[in-house]
Amino acid sequence: MRVTAVSAVGGSTISPAAPPQFAFLPTSATGNPVEGDWLAGEWASPHARILVGPNGGTVALEPGEYRVWLTWAAGAETPVYRAGTITVY
């Protein structure tokens, strides 16, 4: 499964040299992702994406529901965005 969570909007620039970072936290978890939670995704301009799954995925998640978080370099800022939830069966 490929998760696509954000698109460049409003004339913002995406640098392929700085890949987006994703975090998947169980919905039962409280708080924001910490440094060790982030996984490198890729830009498929203008979208951020990451491959999730047991066969060649960046991450294999146990069955359950997860909050998907995304961060990326945006000039002098590094936004952190809660992109939604994903259910793994």
Protein backbone atom coordinates (compact mmCIF):
# COMPACT_ATOMS: atom_id res chain seq x y z
CA MET A 1 0.00 0.00 0.00
CA ARG A 2 1.36 3.41 -0.88
CA VAL A 3 0.42 6.27 1.44
CA THR A 4 0.26 9.68 -0.21
CA ALA A 5 -0.31 12.42 2.32
CA VAL A 6 0.53 15.88 1.04
CA SER A 7 0.87 17.89 -2.14
CA ALA A 8 2.76 21.12 -2.73
CA VAL A 9 0.34 24.04 -2.84
CA GLY A 10 0.45 27.79 -3.12
CA GLY A 11 3.71 27.95 -5.05
CA SER A 12 5.71 26.13 -2.37
CA THR A 13 8.86 24.36 -3.52
CA ILE A 14 9.79 20.77 -2.83
CA SER A 15 13.44 19.77 -2.68
CA PRO A 16 13.96 16.16 -3.76
CA ALA A 17 17.27 16.27 -1.85
CA ALA A 18 15.29 16.47 1.42
CA PRO A 19 12.88 13.51 1.47
CA PRO A 20 9.65 13.72 3.44
CA GLN A 21 9.49 11.84 6.74
CA PHE A 22 6.50 9.77 7.90
CA ALA A 23 5.56 8.45 11.34
CA PHE A 24 2.87 5.89 12.13
CA LEU A 25 1.65 5.92 15.74
CA PRO A 26 -1.12 3.68 17.09
CA THR A 27 -4.30 5.67 17.69
CA SER A 28 -4.06 4.59 21.34
CA ALA A 29 -0.74 6.45 21.71
CA THR A 30 -0.71 9.93 23.16
CA GLY A 31 1.61 12.70 22.11
CA ASN A 32 3.52 13.54 18.98
CA PRO A 33 6.15 11.46 17.17
CA VAL A 34 9.67 11.50 18.60
CA GLU A 35 12.94 11.35 16.69
CA GLY A 36 13.05 7.54 16.38
CA ASP A 37 9.51 7.34 14.95
CA TRP A 38 10.28 9.03 11.62
CA LEU A 39 10.79 7.02 8.40
CA ALA A 40 12.08 8.40 5.09
CA GLY A 41 9.56 8.56 2.27
CA GLU A 42 10.02 9.95 -1.21
CA TRP A 43 8.75 12.73 -3.40
CA ALA A 44 6.68 11.82 -6.44
CA SER A 45 6.33 15.48 -7.24
CA PRO A 46 4.27 17.09 -5.95
CA HIS A 47 3.23 14.27 -3.58
CA ALA A 48 4.94 12.77 -0.54
CA ARG A 49 4.64 9.00 -0.40
CA ILE A 50 5.91 5.93 1.42
CA LEU A 51 5.46 2.23 0.70
CA VAL A 52 3.84 0.33 3.57
CA GLY A 53 3.73 -3.45 3.52
CA PRO A 54 5.60 -6.64 4.23
CA ASN A 55 6.93 -7.15 0.69
CA GLY A 56 9.46 -4.43 -0.08
CA GLY A 57 7.81 -1.76 2.03
CA THR A 58 9.69 0.84 4.03
CA VAL A 59 7.72 -0.31 7.05
CA ALA A 60 5.49 -3.30 7.83
CA LEU A 61 2.79 -2.42 10.35
CA GLU A 62 0.97 -4.85 12.61
CA PRO A 63 -2.83 -4.96 12.19
CA GLY A 64 -4.45 -1.97 13.85
CA GLU A 65 -5.28 1.68 13.38
CA TYR A 66 -2.51 4.29 13.14
CA ARG A 67 -2.27 8.06 13.00
CA VAL A 68 -0.12 9.13 10.05
CA TRP A 69 2.25 12.05 10.60
CA LEU A 70 4.33 13.84 7.99
CA THR A 71 7.18 16.34 8.12
CA TRP A 72 9.32 17.88 5.40
CA ALA A 73 11.79 20.71 4.86
CA ALA A 74 10.01 23.84 3.64
CA GLY A 75 12.66 26.52 3.34
CA ALA A 76 13.53 27.75 6.84
CA GLU A 77 10.61 25.81 8.37
CA THR A 78 9.90 22.16 9.07
CA PRO A 79 6.13 21.69 9.32
CA VAL A 80 4.71 18.66 11.12
CA TYR A 81 1.34 17.60 9.79
CA ARG A 82 -1.08 14.98 11.10
CA ALA A 83 -2.25 13.55 7.80
CA GLY A 84 -5.04 11.26 9.02
CA THR A 85 -5.41 7.62 9.98
CA ILE A 86 -4.71 4.32 8.30
CA THR A 87 -6.17 0.92 9.18
CA VAL A 88 -4.02 -2.15 8.62
CA TYR A 89 -5.82 -5.51 8.39
